[in-house]
Amino acid sequence: MPRFHTPIGIAAYHDLLRLAQDEQVGEIIGTPTRVTVKGRVFWYDKFRVGSDMAQRYIGPDSPELRDRLARLGALKETREARRRERTRLVRLLRAEGYTPTDQTTGSLLNAFARTGVFRLGGTLVGTVAFRHYEGELGVVLGTDALAQTGDMDIASFERLSFAIGDRVETPLEEVFKSLKFAPSPSLDPARTWRWTQSSGETLVEFLMPAQGEESLRDLPALGVSAMALRHLDYLIEDPIPAVSLYRSGVLVQIPRPERYAIHKLIVAERRRAADRLKAQKDRAQAALLIEVLAETRPDELREAYEDAMERGPRWREQIATSLDKRPDAAAVLMEIVG
């Protein structure tokens, strides 16, 4: 049975998340403006730079964002009080047993957040994203499921990158250089999609959903290239905000946990034979989330499973094969979906 954090810790995390989102909106310097792009509504911060007008992407339209924009004046006035409260909440969460973000990962996430990677649609995927479900779901994650990794994967939709018409505030090449990262060799010398830290312990990769073949393509908003992979559109559809427990909290973006769980079942079957241990970790993470979600969010889990099963016979085959190797997860999931 999964173990959950105390109600105090769960409430503290969601207070921290709310304050981090307030902080992001409180950084607006001009006039919030609605813009419709290909039928979708986005918000931009429009302001004057000398004699010219500039704009900075805020995010997609939502009731929550509109509420924060309506309170923009108050959010600006309470910034220092909010910072102190965020620091207090992070300290409380550590005392409650939540796993803090390590220095290497935290410094990367903080740098990416400051330059706008997550604001512009970047979504953490992989084990770094998985760690954030401790806060989102209030569940105690075991050591096995939290197996350390030196990899950080960030995914984004190509179409969103083109649609929003904004770019990161500091080129990521400069961000990586300041953190002692260098581009890794690529099959296409004109495109850089992965960086390695000089110590060789940390690898950062950029990904996007494949529309056809799996190949390297550009993400203009982030100023990088990315490897296009199948099934990734399912994973990063409708992502959610999360807070990394580093300093006074870093606002990031992660996949919905139910989609992460089902996607990991597929990824495990796509691994090469040499990656058997990674496939086992994929299924372990999926099994833990399935067990937790069956108890806390069964409807969302069922919808995510049914969505994946409707995407074709190959999807169904990979999910079924992976579940055969985790009968515990299969039993829990089948009880939910009927």
Protein backbone atom coordinates (compact mmCIF):
# COMPACT_ATOMS: atom_id res chain seq x y z
CA MET A 1 0.00 0.00 0.00
CA PRO A 2 1.30 3.49 -0.79
CA ARG A 3 2.23 5.77 2.11
CA PHE A 4 1.07 9.37 2.08
CA HIS A 5 2.44 12.50 3.67
CA THR A 6 0.56 14.25 6.46
CA PRO A 7 -2.32 16.63 5.73
CA ILE A 8 -0.04 19.46 6.95
CA GLY A 9 2.59 18.60 4.33
CA ILE A 10 0.05 18.19 1.53
CA ALA A 11 -1.54 21.56 2.33
CA ALA A 12 1.89 23.23 2.57
CA TYR A 13 2.92 21.95 -0.86
CA HIS A 14 -0.20 23.24 -2.56
CA ASP A 15 0.15 26.59 -0.78
CA LEU A 16 3.71 26.76 -2.11
CA LEU A 17 2.52 25.94 -5.62
CA ARG A 18 -0.12 28.68 -5.47
CA LEU A 19 2.41 31.24 -4.29
CA ALA A 20 4.89 30.28 -7.01
CA GLN A 21 2.22 30.77 -9.66
CA ASP A 22 1.29 34.10 -8.07
CA GLU A 23 4.95 35.10 -8.27
CA GLN A 24 5.19 34.33 -11.98
CA VAL A 25 2.21 36.59 -12.74
CA GLY A 26 3.51 39.23 -10.32
CA GLU A 27 6.58 39.65 -12.57
CA ILE A 28 4.45 41.25 -15.33
CA ILE A 29 5.82 44.73 -16.08
CA GLY A 30 3.40 46.01 -18.71
CA THR A 31 -0.22 45.46 -19.73
CA PRO A 32 -1.65 41.92 -19.89
CA THR A 33 -3.16 41.45 -23.37
CA ARG A 34 -5.24 38.63 -24.87
CA VAL A 35 -4.10 37.34 -28.26
CA THR A 36 -5.83 34.69 -30.36
CA VAL A 37 -3.52 32.46 -32.41
CA LYS A 38 -5.13 29.84 -34.67
CA GLY A 39 -8.22 29.64 -32.48
CA ARG A 40 -6.31 29.44 -29.19
CA VAL A 41 -6.22 32.30 -26.67
CA PHE A 42 -2.89 33.30 -25.11
CA TRP A 43 -1.90 36.11 -22.76
CA TYR A 44 1.08 38.40 -23.33
CA ASP A 45 2.76 41.07 -21.25
CA LYS A 46 2.98 44.08 -23.59
CA PHE A 47 5.33 46.90 -22.64
CA ARG A 48 7.35 49.72 -24.16
CA VAL A 49 11.11 49.49 -24.73
CA GLY A 50 12.26 52.96 -25.79
CA SER A 51 10.04 53.95 -28.71
CA ASP A 52 9.11 50.34 -29.54
CA MET A 53 6.49 47.99 -28.14
CA ALA A 54 7.58 44.54 -26.98
CA GLN A 55 5.67 41.53 -25.71
CA ARG A 56 6.47 38.62 -23.41
CA TYR A 57 4.45 35.40 -23.36
CA ILE A 58 2.55 34.81 -20.11
CA GLY A 59 0.64 31.61 -20.84
CA PRO A 60 -2.52 30.03 -22.27
CA ASP A 61 -5.87 31.42 -21.21
CA SER A 62 -7.49 29.79 -18.18
CA PRO A 63 -9.84 30.84 -15.36
CA GLU A 64 -6.94 30.59 -12.89
CA LEU A 65 -4.72 32.88 -14.96
CA ARG A 66 -7.49 35.42 -15.45
CA ASP A 67 -8.08 35.48 -11.70
CA ARG A 68 -4.39 36.18 -11.06
CA LEU A 69 -4.31 38.89 -13.70
CA ALA A 70 -7.27 40.56 -12.01
CA ARG A 71 -5.21 40.67 -8.79
CA LEU A 72 -2.01 41.87 -10.48
CA GLY A 73 -1.69 45.05 -8.40
CA ALA A 74 -2.00 43.17 -5.11
CA LEU A 75 0.45 40.49 -6.29
CA LYS A 76 3.08 43.14 -7.02
CA GLU A 77 2.66 44.75 -3.60
CA THR A 78 3.02 41.48 -1.64
CA ARG A 79 6.10 40.11 -3.41
CA GLU A 80 8.48 40.27 -0.42
CA ALA A 81 5.93 38.74 1.96
CA ARG A 82 5.32 36.00 -0.59
CA ARG A 83 9.05 35.24 -0.82
CA ARG A 84 9.32 34.87 2.95
CA GLU A 85 6.28 32.60 3.06
CA ARG A 86 7.65 30.42 0.26
CA THR A 87 10.91 29.99 2.17
CA ARG A 88 8.97 29.01 5.29
CA LEU A 89 6.90 26.45 3.38
CA VAL A 90 9.96 24.83 1.77
CA ARG A 91 11.51 24.52 5.24
CA LEU A 92 8.28 22.97 6.57
CA LEU A 93 8.15 20.46 3.69
CA ARG A 94 11.71 19.34 4.33
CA ALA A 95 10.80 18.82 7.99
CA GLU A 96 7.76 16.80 6.89
CA GLY A 97 10.03 14.41 4.97
CA TYR A 98 9.57 15.64 1.41
CA THR A 99 12.59 14.97 -0.80
CA PRO A 100 14.49 18.19 -1.55
CA THR A 101 15.97 18.75 -5.00
CA ASP A 102 19.71 18.16 -5.18
CA GLN A 103 22.07 21.04 -5.97
CA THR A 104 22.87 20.05 -9.57
CA THR A 105 19.25 19.48 -10.57
CA GLY A 106 18.02 22.49 -8.63
CA SER A 107 20.50 24.88 -10.19
CA LEU A 108 19.51 23.68 -13.66
CA LEU A 109 15.78 23.96 -12.99
CA ASN A 110 16.22 27.39 -11.46
CA ALA A 111 18.22 28.61 -14.47
CA PHE A 112 15.66 27.21 -16.90
CA ALA A 113 12.76 28.75 -14.98
CA ARG A 114 14.45 32.18 -14.83
CA THR A 115 15.05 32.28 -18.59
CA GLY A 116 11.51 31.11 -19.41
CA VAL A 117 11.85 27.47 -20.49
CA PHE A 118 8.77 26.29 -18.57
CA ARG A 119 6.79 29.48 -19.20
CA LEU A 120 7.31 28.91 -22.93
CA GLY A 121 5.96 25.37 -22.90
CA GLY A 122 8.91 23.23 -21.77
CA THR A 123 7.78 20.19 -19.78
CA LEU A 124 10.00 17.99 -17.63
CA VAL A 125 9.76 14.30 -18.48
CA GLY A 126 11.52 11.26 -17.07
CA THR A 127 12.65 10.63 -13.50
CA VAL A 128 13.19 14.32 -12.70
CA ALA A 129 9.50 14.86 -13.47
CA PHE A 130 8.53 11.74 -11.52
CA ARG A 131 10.12 13.11 -8.35
CA HIS A 132 7.66 16.01 -8.40
CA TYR A 133 4.67 13.67 -8.00
CA GLU A 134 5.59 13.45 -4.32
CA GLY A 135 4.20 16.96 -3.98
CA GLU A 136 1.40 16.72 -6.53
CA LEU A 137 0.00 13.48 -5.07
CA GLY A 138 1.25 13.77 -1.49
CA VAL A 139 2.73 10.27 -1.73
CA VAL A 140 5.95 9.07 -0.13
CA LEU A 141 8.17 7.85 -2.97
CA GLY A 142 10.38 4.88 -2.25
CA THR A 143 14.11 4.75 -2.90
CA ASP A 144 13.73 2.31 -5.82
CA ALA A 145 11.19 4.47 -7.62
CA LEU A 146 13.33 7.54 -6.97
CA ALA A 147 16.47 5.92 -8.42
CA GLN A 148 18.95 8.68 -9.12
CA THR A 149 19.65 9.58 -12.71
CA GLY A 150 22.03 11.99 -14.32
CA ASP A 151 19.59 12.66 -17.16
CA MET A 152 17.16 15.56 -17.46
CA ASP A 153 14.70 15.53 -20.35
CA ILE A 154 12.63 18.54 -21.39
CA ALA A 155 9.89 18.18 -24.01
CA SER A 156 7.74 20.70 -25.85
CA PHE A 157 5.30 20.83 -28.76
CA GLU A 158 6.82 22.13 -31.98
CA ARG A 159 3.56 23.82 -32.97
CA LEU A 160 3.35 25.67 -29.64
CA SER A 161 6.94 26.82 -29.99
CA PHE A 162 6.09 28.41 -33.35
CA ALA A 163 2.67 29.73 -32.28
CA ILE A 164 3.57 31.77 -29.19
CA GLY A 165 6.07 34.04 -30.96
CA ASP A 166 8.42 34.47 -28.00
CA ARG A 167 11.85 33.18 -27.05
CA VAL A 168 13.80 32.44 -23.89
CA GLU A 169 15.17 35.59 -22.26
CA THR A 170 18.74 34.25 -22.12
CA PRO A 171 19.96 31.91 -24.89
CA LEU A 172 20.21 28.41 -23.47
CA GLU A 173 23.68 28.08 -24.94
CA GLU A 174 24.76 30.79 -22.48
CA VAL A 175 22.88 29.14 -19.60
CA PHE A 176 24.60 25.83 -20.25
CA LYS A 177 28.01 27.46 -20.56
CA SER A 178 27.59 29.21 -17.21
CA LEU A 179 26.80 25.83 -15.60
CA LYS A 180 29.80 24.17 -17.27
CA PHE A 181 27.84 22.23 -19.87
CA ALA A 182 29.02 21.64 -23.43
CA PRO A 183 27.09 20.46 -26.54
CA SER A 184 27.20 16.71 -27.10
CA PRO A 185 28.07 15.37 -30.56
CA SER A 186 25.04 14.98 -32.83
CA LEU A 187 24.32 13.19 -36.08
CA ASP A 188 23.41 16.63 -37.41
CA PRO A 189 26.26 19.09 -36.65
CA ALA A 190 23.92 22.03 -37.33
CA ARG A 191 21.51 21.01 -34.55
CA THR A 192 22.27 20.75 -30.83
CA TRP A 193 19.71 18.92 -28.74
CA ARG A 194 21.75 17.54 -25.83
CA TRP A 195 24.31 18.98 -23.43
CA THR A 196 26.71 17.25 -21.03
CA GLN A 197 28.21 18.73 -17.87
CA SER A 198 32.01 18.79 -17.78
CA SER A 199 32.00 16.28 -14.91
CA GLY A 200 30.15 13.88 -17.20
CA GLU A 201 27.50 13.18 -14.56
CA THR A 202 24.56 15.14 -15.97
CA LEU A 203 23.01 15.01 -19.43
CA VAL A 204 20.21 17.34 -20.59
CA GLU A 205 18.16 16.43 -23.67
CA PHE A 206 15.37 18.27 -25.50
CA LEU A 207 12.53 16.28 -27.03
CA MET A 208 9.34 16.86 -29.02
CA PRO A 209 6.48 14.69 -30.29
CA ALA A 210 7.16 13.07 -33.66
CA GLN A 211 4.77 13.79 -36.50
CA GLY A 212 6.08 11.07 -38.78
CA GLU A 213 9.70 9.95 -38.54
CA GLU A 214 11.78 10.32 -35.40
CA SER A 215 14.34 12.98 -36.31
CA LEU A 216 15.92 16.24 -35.15
CA ARG A 217 13.82 19.38 -35.49
CA ASP A 218 13.87 22.96 -34.15
CA LEU A 219 12.10 24.48 -31.13
CA PRO A 220 12.24 28.23 -31.87
CA ALA A 221 10.83 29.38 -28.52
CA LEU A 222 13.60 27.59 -26.63
CA GLY A 223 16.28 28.31 -29.20
CA VAL A 224 17.36 24.66 -29.39
CA SER A 225 16.79 21.61 -31.52
CA ALA A 226 14.99 18.54 -30.20
CA MET A 227 14.70 14.84 -30.96
CA ALA A 228 11.20 13.98 -32.16
CA LEU A 229 9.86 10.81 -30.50
CA ARG A 230 6.62 8.85 -30.94
CA HIS A 231 4.06 8.71 -28.13
CA LEU A 232 5.40 11.94 -26.59
CA ASP A 233 2.35 13.97 -27.65
CA TYR A 234 0.23 11.77 -25.37
CA LEU A 235 2.58 12.33 -22.43
CA ILE A 236 2.84 16.13 -22.52
CA GLU A 237 -0.74 16.90 -23.49
CA ASP A 238 -2.27 19.31 -20.94
CA PRO A 239 0.71 19.44 -18.51
CA ILE A 240 0.46 20.74 -14.95
CA PRO A 241 2.58 23.12 -12.81
CA ALA A 242 4.73 21.79 -10.00
CA VAL A 243 7.25 23.18 -7.51
CA SER A 244 10.76 21.88 -7.09
CA LEU A 245 12.00 22.08 -3.49
CA TYR A 246 15.09 24.14 -4.20
CA ARG A 247 15.77 27.47 -2.50
CA SER A 248 12.35 29.09 -2.02
CA GLY A 249 10.73 26.82 -4.62
CA VAL A 250 11.14 26.68 -8.41
CA LEU A 251 8.03 26.64 -10.60
CA VAL A 252 8.30 23.97 -13.31
CA GLN A 253 5.93 22.03 -15.58
CA ILE A 254 5.38 18.25 -15.57
CA PRO A 255 3.06 15.75 -17.29
CA ARG A 256 -0.16 14.71 -15.64
CA PRO A 257 0.63 11.71 -13.39
CA GLU A 258 -1.94 9.43 -15.01
CA ARG A 259 -0.44 10.06 -18.45
CA TYR A 260 3.06 9.58 -17.08
CA ALA A 261 2.07 6.17 -15.68
CA ILE A 262 0.56 4.85 -18.92
CA HIS A 263 3.35 6.34 -21.03
CA LYS A 264 5.97 4.56 -18.91
CA LEU A 265 4.31 1.24 -19.72
CA ILE A 266 4.84 2.01 -23.41
CA VAL A 267 8.38 3.36 -23.00
CA ALA A 268 9.45 0.21 -21.15
CA GLU A 269 8.55 -1.90 -24.20
CA ARG A 270 10.41 0.42 -26.55
CA ARG A 271 13.69 0.04 -24.64
CA ARG A 272 16.51 -1.90 -26.23
CA ALA A 273 17.52 -5.22 -24.68
CA ALA A 274 20.61 -3.55 -23.20
CA ASP A 275 18.36 -1.15 -21.28
CA ARG A 276 16.62 -3.85 -19.26
CA LEU A 277 17.25 -2.09 -15.93
CA LYS A 278 15.80 1.17 -17.27
CA ALA A 279 12.71 -0.74 -18.45
CA GLN A 280 12.30 -2.22 -14.98
CA LYS A 281 12.48 1.28 -13.49
CA ASP A 282 9.89 2.50 -16.00
CA ARG A 283 7.46 -0.19 -14.93
CA ALA A 284 8.20 0.36 -11.23
CA GLN A 285 7.33 4.05 -11.56
CA ALA A 286 4.19 3.20 -13.56
CA ALA A 287 3.10 0.61 -10.99
CA LEU A 288 3.54 2.99 -8.06
CA LEU A 289 1.57 5.76 -9.77
CA ILE A 290 -1.18 3.36 -10.86
CA GLU A 291 -1.58 2.17 -7.27
CA VAL A 292 -1.69 5.73 -5.92
CA LEU A 293 -4.01 7.06 -8.64
CA ALA A 294 -6.40 4.12 -8.32
CA GLU A 295 -6.95 5.28 -4.75
CA THR A 296 -6.88 9.05 -5.22
CA ARG A 297 -7.82 9.81 -8.86
CA PRO A 298 -9.43 6.72 -10.41
CA ASP A 299 -11.44 8.62 -13.00
CA GLU A 300 -8.38 10.43 -14.37
CA LEU A 301 -6.45 7.14 -14.50
CA ARG A 302 -9.25 5.39 -16.37
CA GLU A 303 -9.55 8.23 -18.89
CA ALA A 304 -5.79 8.24 -19.55
CA TYR A 305 -5.77 4.47 -20.06
CA GLU A 306 -8.77 4.55 -22.39
CA ASP A 307 -7.25 7.42 -24.39
CA ALA A 308 -4.05 5.43 -24.95
CA MET A 309 -5.92 2.24 -25.85
CA GLU A 310 -7.91 4.10 -28.51
CA ARG A 311 -4.72 5.24 -30.31
CA GLY A 312 -4.19 2.03 -32.21
CA PRO A 313 -3.23 -1.66 -32.01
CA ARG A 314 0.47 -0.99 -31.47
CA TRP A 315 -0.32 1.14 -28.40
CA ARG A 316 -2.58 -1.60 -27.01
CA GLU A 317 0.04 -4.26 -27.65
CA GLN A 318 2.83 -2.39 -25.87
CA ILE A 319 0.66 -1.55 -22.86
CA ALA A 320 -0.59 -5.14 -22.55
CA THR A 321 2.91 -6.61 -22.85
CA SER A 322 4.26 -4.27 -20.20
CA LEU A 323 1.37 -5.04 -17.83
CA ASP A 324 2.03 -8.77 -18.26
CA LYS A 325 5.40 -8.10 -16.60
CA ARG A 326 3.76 -6.20 -13.72
CA PRO A 327 0.70 -8.26 -12.77
CA ASP A 328 0.32 -6.20 -9.61
CA ALA A 329 -0.20 -3.03 -11.65
CA ALA A 330 -2.38 -4.87 -14.15
CA ALA A 331 -4.72 -6.09 -11.40
CA VAL A 332 -5.13 -2.60 -9.94
CA LEU A 333 -5.67 -1.01 -13.34
CA MET A 334 -8.19 -3.60 -14.53
CA GLU A 335 -10.24 -3.08 -11.38
CA ILE A 336 -10.50 0.59 -12.29
CA VAL A 337 -11.24 0.27 -16.02
CA GLY A 338 -13.56 -2.74 -15.68
